[in-house]
Each structure stands twice: as C-alpha cells, then as structure tokens.
C-alpha atoms as a PDB file:
ATOM      1  CA  MET A   1     -12.838  -9.389  15.938  1.00  0.00           C
ATOM      2  CA  ALA A   2     -11.355  -8.598  12.696  1.00  0.00           C
ATOM      3  CA  GLU A   3     -13.306  -6.824  10.157  1.00  0.00           C
ATOM      4  CA  LYS A   4     -14.802  -9.072   7.454  1.00  0.00           C
ATOM      5  CA  LYS A   5     -13.134  -9.096   4.066  1.00  0.00           C
ATOM      6  CA  ARG A   6     -15.709  -8.616   1.298  1.00  0.00           C
ATOM      7  CA  LEU A   7     -15.299 -10.824  -1.878  1.00  0.00           C
ATOM      8  CA  THR A   8     -17.126 -11.639  -4.912  1.00  0.00           C
ATOM      9  CA  GLU A   9     -18.045 -15.278  -5.725  1.00  0.00           C
ATOM     10  CA  ASP A  10     -15.258 -15.563  -8.247  1.00  0.00           C
ATOM     11  CA  GLY A  11     -12.832 -13.957  -5.662  1.00  0.00           C
ATOM     12  CA  LEU A  12     -13.658 -16.674  -3.055  1.00  0.00           C
ATOM     13  CA  LYS A  13     -13.267 -19.456  -5.675  1.00  0.00           C
ATOM     14  CA  LYS A  14     -10.002 -18.119  -6.529  1.00  0.00           C
ATOM     15  CA  LEU A  15      -8.650 -18.027  -3.052  1.00  0.00           C
ATOM     16  CA  GLU A  16     -10.005 -21.417  -2.316  1.00  0.00           C
ATOM     17  CA  MET A  17      -8.239 -22.873  -5.271  1.00  0.00           C
ATOM     18  CA  GLU A  18      -5.143 -21.166  -4.271  1.00  0.00           C
ATOM     19  CA  LEU A  19      -5.226 -22.629  -0.907  1.00  0.00           C
ATOM     20  CA  GLU A  20      -5.892 -26.046  -2.265  1.00  0.00           C
ATOM     21  CA  GLU A  21      -2.916 -25.706  -4.659  1.00  0.00           C
ATOM     22  CA  LEU A  22      -0.650 -24.709  -1.743  1.00  0.00           C
ATOM     23  CA  LYS A  23      -1.816 -27.502   0.556  1.00  0.00           C
ATOM     24  CA  THR A  24      -1.734 -30.426  -2.120  1.00  0.00           C
ATOM     25  CA  VAL A  25       0.899 -29.504  -4.711  1.00  0.00           C
ATOM     26  CA  LYS A  26       3.257 -27.044  -3.214  1.00  0.00           C
ATOM     27  CA  ARG A  27       3.703 -28.820   0.195  1.00  0.00           C
ATOM     28  CA  LYS A  28       4.521 -32.029  -1.575  1.00  0.00           C
ATOM     29  CA  GLU A  29       7.165 -30.153  -3.846  1.00  0.00           C
ATOM     30  CA  ILE A  30       8.770 -28.602  -0.758  1.00  0.00           C
ATOM     31  CA  ALA A  31       8.810 -31.931   1.003  1.00  0.00           C
ATOM     32  CA  GLU A  32      10.559 -33.542  -1.930  1.00  0.00           C
ATOM     33  CA  LYS A  33      13.233 -30.737  -1.956  1.00  0.00           C
ATOM     34  CA  ILE A  34      13.779 -31.072   1.697  1.00  0.00           C
ATOM     35  CA  LYS A  35      14.355 -34.767   1.174  1.00  0.00           C
ATOM     36  CA  VAL A  36      16.649 -34.396  -1.591  1.00  0.00           C
ATOM     37  CA  ALA A  37      18.611 -31.577   0.213  1.00  0.00           C
ATOM     38  CA  LEU A  38      18.878 -33.932   3.309  1.00  0.00           C
ATOM     39  CA  SER A  39      20.471 -36.663   1.251  1.00  0.00           C
ATOM     40  CA  PHE A  40      23.400 -34.223   0.595  1.00  0.00           C
ATOM     41  CA  GLY A  41      24.658 -34.626   4.213  1.00  0.00           C
ATOM     42  CA  ASP A  42      25.935 -32.057   6.565  1.00  0.00           C
ATOM     43  CA  LEU A  43      23.245 -29.565   7.176  1.00  0.00           C
ATOM     44  CA  SER A  44      25.689 -26.905   8.498  1.00  0.00           C
ATOM     45  CA  GLU A  45      26.793 -26.114   4.921  1.00  0.00           C
ATOM     46  CA  ASN A  46      23.735 -27.225   3.024  1.00  0.00           C
ATOM     47  CA  SER A  47      22.328 -24.174   1.096  1.00  0.00           C
ATOM     48  CA  GLU A  48      19.627 -26.383  -0.744  1.00  0.00           C
ATOM     49  CA  TYR A  49      18.278 -27.490   2.636  1.00  0.00           C
ATOM     50  CA  ASP A  50      18.178 -23.856   4.075  1.00  0.00           C
ATOM     51  CA  GLU A  51      16.582 -22.613   0.754  1.00  0.00           C
ATOM     52  CA  ALA A  52      13.972 -25.375   0.893  1.00  0.00           C
ATOM     53  CA  LYS A  53      13.273 -24.838   4.619  1.00  0.00           C
ATOM     54  CA  ASN A  54      12.810 -21.004   3.869  1.00  0.00           C
ATOM     55  CA  GLU A  55      10.449 -21.866   0.995  1.00  0.00           C
ATOM     56  CA  GLN A  56       8.511 -24.187   3.247  1.00  0.00           C
ATOM     57  CA  ALA A  57       8.122 -21.321   5.803  1.00  0.00           C
ATOM     58  CA  ILE A  58       6.779 -18.984   3.121  1.00  0.00           C
ATOM     59  CA  ILE A  59       4.269 -21.524   1.946  1.00  0.00           C
ATOM     60  CA  GLU A  60       2.981 -22.423   5.468  1.00  0.00           C
ATOM     61  CA  SER A  61       2.725 -18.641   6.136  1.00  0.00           C
ATOM     62  CA  LYS A  62       0.759 -18.171   3.071  1.00  0.00           C
ATOM     63  CA  ILE A  63      -1.703 -21.070   3.924  1.00  0.00           C
ATOM     64  CA  THR A  64      -2.181 -19.766   7.324  1.00  0.00           C
ATOM     65  CA  GLN A  65      -2.941 -16.334   5.922  1.00  0.00           C
ATOM     66  CA  LEU A  66      -5.370 -17.733   3.488  1.00  0.00           C
ATOM     67  CA  GLU A  67      -7.177 -19.927   6.020  1.00  0.00           C
ATOM     68  CA  ALA A  68      -7.664 -17.077   8.391  1.00  0.00           C
ATOM     69  CA  MET A  69      -8.955 -14.759   5.442  1.00  0.00           C
ATOM     70  CA  LEU A  70     -11.353 -17.371   4.453  1.00  0.00           C
ATOM     71  CA  LYS A  71     -12.686 -17.966   7.963  1.00  0.00           C
ATOM     72  CA  ASN A  72     -13.554 -14.171   7.933  1.00  0.00           C
ATOM     73  CA  VAL A  73     -15.101 -13.362   4.507  1.00  0.00           C
ATOM     74  CA  GLU A  74     -18.406 -11.830   3.502  1.00  0.00           C
ATOM     75  CA  VAL A  75     -19.450 -13.097   0.102  1.00  0.00           C
ATOM     76  CA  VAL A  76     -21.152 -10.319  -2.074  1.00  0.00           C
ATOM     77  CA  ASP A  77     -24.489 -11.758  -3.471  1.00  0.00           C
ATOM     78  CA  THR A  78     -24.569 -10.504  -7.194  1.00  0.00           C
ATOM     79  CA  ASP A  79     -28.200 -11.078  -7.358  1.00  0.00           C
ATOM     80  CA  GLU A  80     -28.841  -8.452  -4.587  1.00  0.00           C
ATOM     81  CA  LEU A  81     -26.452  -5.909  -6.307  1.00  0.00           C
ATOM     82  CA  SER A  82     -28.256  -2.625  -7.179  1.00  0.00           C
ATOM     83  CA  THR A  83     -27.648  -1.024 -10.473  1.00  0.00           C
ATOM     84  CA  GLU A  84     -28.872   2.368  -8.750  1.00  0.00           C
ATOM     85  CA  HIS A  85     -25.881   2.608  -6.712  1.00  0.00           C
ATOM     86  CA  ILE A  86     -22.265   1.492  -6.869  1.00  0.00           C
ATOM     87  CA  GLY A  87     -21.179  -1.016  -4.296  1.00  0.00           C
ATOM     88  CA  VAL A  88     -18.718  -3.918  -3.858  1.00  0.00           C
ATOM     89  CA  GLY A  89     -19.478  -6.361  -6.787  1.00  0.00           C
ATOM     90  CA  SER A  90     -20.673  -3.533  -9.228  1.00  0.00           C
ATOM     91  CA  LYS A  91     -19.120  -2.947 -12.719  1.00  0.00           C
ATOM     92  CA  VAL A  92     -19.194   0.491 -13.771  1.00  0.00           C
ATOM     93  CA  ARG A  93     -18.441   2.368 -16.977  1.00  0.00           C
ATOM     94  CA  LEU A  94     -16.708   5.758 -16.297  1.00  0.00           C
ATOM     95  CA  LYS A  95     -15.774   8.514 -18.537  1.00  0.00           C
ATOM     96  CA  ASP A  96     -12.681  10.301 -17.845  1.00  0.00           C
ATOM     97  CA  LEU A  97     -13.781  13.907 -18.161  1.00  0.00           C
ATOM     98  CA  GLU A  98     -10.193  15.235 -18.781  1.00  0.00           C
ATOM     99  CA  PHE A  99      -9.233  12.711 -21.581  1.00  0.00           C
ATOM    100  CA  ASP A 100     -12.700  11.954 -22.744  1.00  0.00           C
ATOM    101  CA  GLU A 101     -12.169   8.188 -22.567  1.00  0.00           C
ATOM    102  CA  GLU A 102     -14.343   5.626 -21.143  1.00  0.00           C
ATOM    103  CA  GLU A 103     -13.119   2.584 -19.074  1.00  0.00           C
ATOM    104  CA  VAL A 104     -15.166  -0.319 -17.319  1.00  0.00           C
ATOM    105  CA  TYR A 105     -14.089  -1.020 -13.825  1.00  0.00           C
ATOM    106  CA  HIS A 106     -15.319  -4.017 -11.364  1.00  0.00           C
ATOM    107  CA  ILE A 107     -15.277  -2.733  -7.657  1.00  0.00           C
ATOM    108  CA  VAL A 108     -14.073  -5.767  -5.566  1.00  0.00           C
ATOM    109  CA  GLY A 109     -13.054  -6.480  -2.083  1.00  0.00           C
ATOM    110  CA  SER A 110      -9.237  -5.778  -1.321  1.00  0.00           C
ATOM    111  CA  ALA A 111      -8.303  -9.303  -1.348  1.00  0.00           C
ATOM    112  CA  GLU A 112      -9.085  -9.753  -5.048  1.00  0.00           C
ATOM    113  CA  ALA A 113      -8.187  -6.450  -6.364  1.00  0.00           C
ATOM    114  CA  ASP A 114      -6.137  -6.491  -9.655  1.00  0.00           C
ATOM    115  CA  PRO A 115      -5.787  -3.007 -11.244  1.00  0.00           C
ATOM    116  CA  MET A 116      -4.201  -4.503 -14.283  1.00  0.00           C
ATOM    117  CA  ASP A 117      -7.519  -6.325 -14.965  1.00  0.00           C
ATOM    118  CA  ASN A 118      -9.461  -3.262 -13.978  1.00  0.00           C
ATOM    119  CA  LYS A 119     -10.517  -4.767 -10.597  1.00  0.00           C
ATOM    120  CA  ILE A 120     -10.396  -2.048  -8.177  1.00  0.00           C
ATOM    121  CA  SER A 121     -10.560  -2.354  -4.349  1.00  0.00           C
ATOM    122  CA  ASP A 122     -13.327  -0.938  -2.350  1.00  0.00           C
ATOM    123  CA  GLU A 123     -10.590   0.311  -0.054  1.00  0.00           C
ATOM    124  CA  SER A 124      -8.531   2.162  -2.686  1.00  0.00           C
ATOM    125  CA  PRO A 125      -8.874   5.886  -3.064  1.00  0.00           C
ATOM    126  CA  MET A 126     -10.800   5.317  -6.422  1.00  0.00           C
ATOM    127  CA  GLY A 127     -13.142   2.499  -4.926  1.00  0.00           C
ATOM    128  CA  LYS A 128     -13.784   4.595  -1.850  1.00  0.00           C
ATOM    129  CA  ALA A 129     -14.554   7.581  -4.047  1.00  0.00           C
ATOM    130  CA  LEU A 130     -17.112   5.664  -6.308  1.00  0.00           C
ATOM    131  CA  LEU A 131     -18.933   3.691  -3.541  1.00  0.00           C
ATOM    132  CA  GLY A 132     -22.635   4.995  -3.174  1.00  0.00           C
ATOM    133  CA  HIS A 133     -22.484   7.043  -6.342  1.00  0.00           C
ATOM    134  CA  LYS A 134     -25.359   6.630  -9.007  1.00  0.00           C
ATOM    135  CA  LEU A 135     -25.763   6.895 -12.754  1.00  0.00           C
ATOM    136  CA  GLY A 136     -24.686  10.348 -14.149  1.00  0.00           C
ATOM    137  CA  ASP A 137     -22.745  11.552 -11.064  1.00  0.00           C
ATOM    138  CA  ASP A 138     -19.652  13.301 -11.312  1.00  0.00           C
ATOM    139  CA  VAL A 139     -16.913  11.724  -9.185  1.00  0.00           C
ATOM    140  CA  GLN A 140     -13.685  13.273  -8.242  1.00  0.00           C
ATOM    141  CA  VAL A 141     -10.911  10.802  -7.149  1.00  0.00           C
ATOM    142  CA  GLU A 142      -7.909  12.262  -5.377  1.00  0.00           C
ATOM    143  CA  ALA A 143      -4.861  10.570  -6.859  1.00  0.00           C
ATOM    144  CA  PRO A 144      -1.076  11.225  -6.099  1.00  0.00           C
ATOM    145  CA  ALA A 145      -0.856  13.079  -9.393  1.00  0.00           C
ATOM    146  CA  GLY A 146      -3.820  15.161  -8.542  1.00  0.00           C
ATOM    147  CA  ALA A 147      -7.681  14.988  -8.815  1.00  0.00           C
ATOM    148  CA  ILE A 148      -9.165  12.881 -11.548  1.00  0.00           C
ATOM    149  CA  HIS A 149     -12.738  13.602 -12.667  1.00  0.00           C
ATOM    150  CA  PHE A 150     -15.113  10.716 -13.997  1.00  0.00           C
ATOM    151  CA  LYS A 151     -18.802  10.651 -14.871  1.00  0.00           C
ATOM    152  CA  VAL A 152     -20.690   7.606 -14.065  1.00  0.00           C
ATOM    153  CA  MET A 153     -22.067   6.370 -17.533  1.00  0.00           C
ATOM    154  CA  GLU A 154     -23.329   2.842 -16.521  1.00  0.00           C
ATOM    155  CA  ILE A 155     -23.673   0.643 -13.340  1.00  0.00           C
ATOM    156  CA  PHE A 156     -24.230  -3.059 -13.995  1.00  0.00           C
ATOM    157  CA  LYS A 157     -23.663  -6.554 -12.544  1.00  0.00           C
END
C-alpha cells in the first residue's frame, strides 16, 4: 500500500477544488475543442484535433493522479499540533545565523509545498532537518550550496 500523503486542511481543500475544476470546467472546454476540431474534417492532417486530444490526455491523467492522491491522504489536525516540537502543519520563525535574518516557514506535506510562499515540504532537506526540533534549537540544513544554520525562534499553529 502506498504511503499516506500528509496535508493540512487548506491543502486538502485546494486539491479538492483543483479536481472539481478539472472535472467540470476543463473537461467541457476540451470536449468543445475536440468538437470544433472534428468539424474541420480530415483527421489525418488536423493539428487542432491532435492538440485537443493531447490536452485531454493530460487533463485525464491529472484527474486520475489527484483522485488517487485524495484517496490516500492523512489530514493534519491543527488543533492537535504541538508548539513544543516542529511537525507537519507547524509554522516556525527561524533566524538565519549567518545573515542574521528571520523568516517564517510553514511545514506542509509534499503535495502542497510552495517554496515561493514559504510552504516547505516535510520531505525536503530543510523540512526533514526541522522536524522534531524545539524552541531555541540550532538546526543545520544541508543545502547544495553548503550548510545553513538556523535557530528556532518560535513555533506556532
């Protein structure tokens, strides 16, 4: 059996909304594109038809992938999150000891990671290094550019 994917409540809602959008809106758009392309006649030289069918395959693949993922998720209960230790769902304020800068990160499951929004996957090098640490701990993260040292300044929900 596949390993359960951990998601926050927000991450679960986002994936469910994406799946609904693909099933209701995108499927209809693709069906319309195929219908229009079929009206052009000869399919052997109909690039619009080929493109629409390829797009349909991509959408159906994504739907299958999301459905499989949603069948095998574990939702992190934020009410049960500890502010003693860092875990999936925790928000942490870290101080970069080299640059003396602070940043807040949200530790999330890999399916909802978004580094540009400071949502760090629990499976990433940084996420793995942070899990289990507590307030005041110094954490070393091995990055491609070398080790980065942080101090855990705050853990919150």
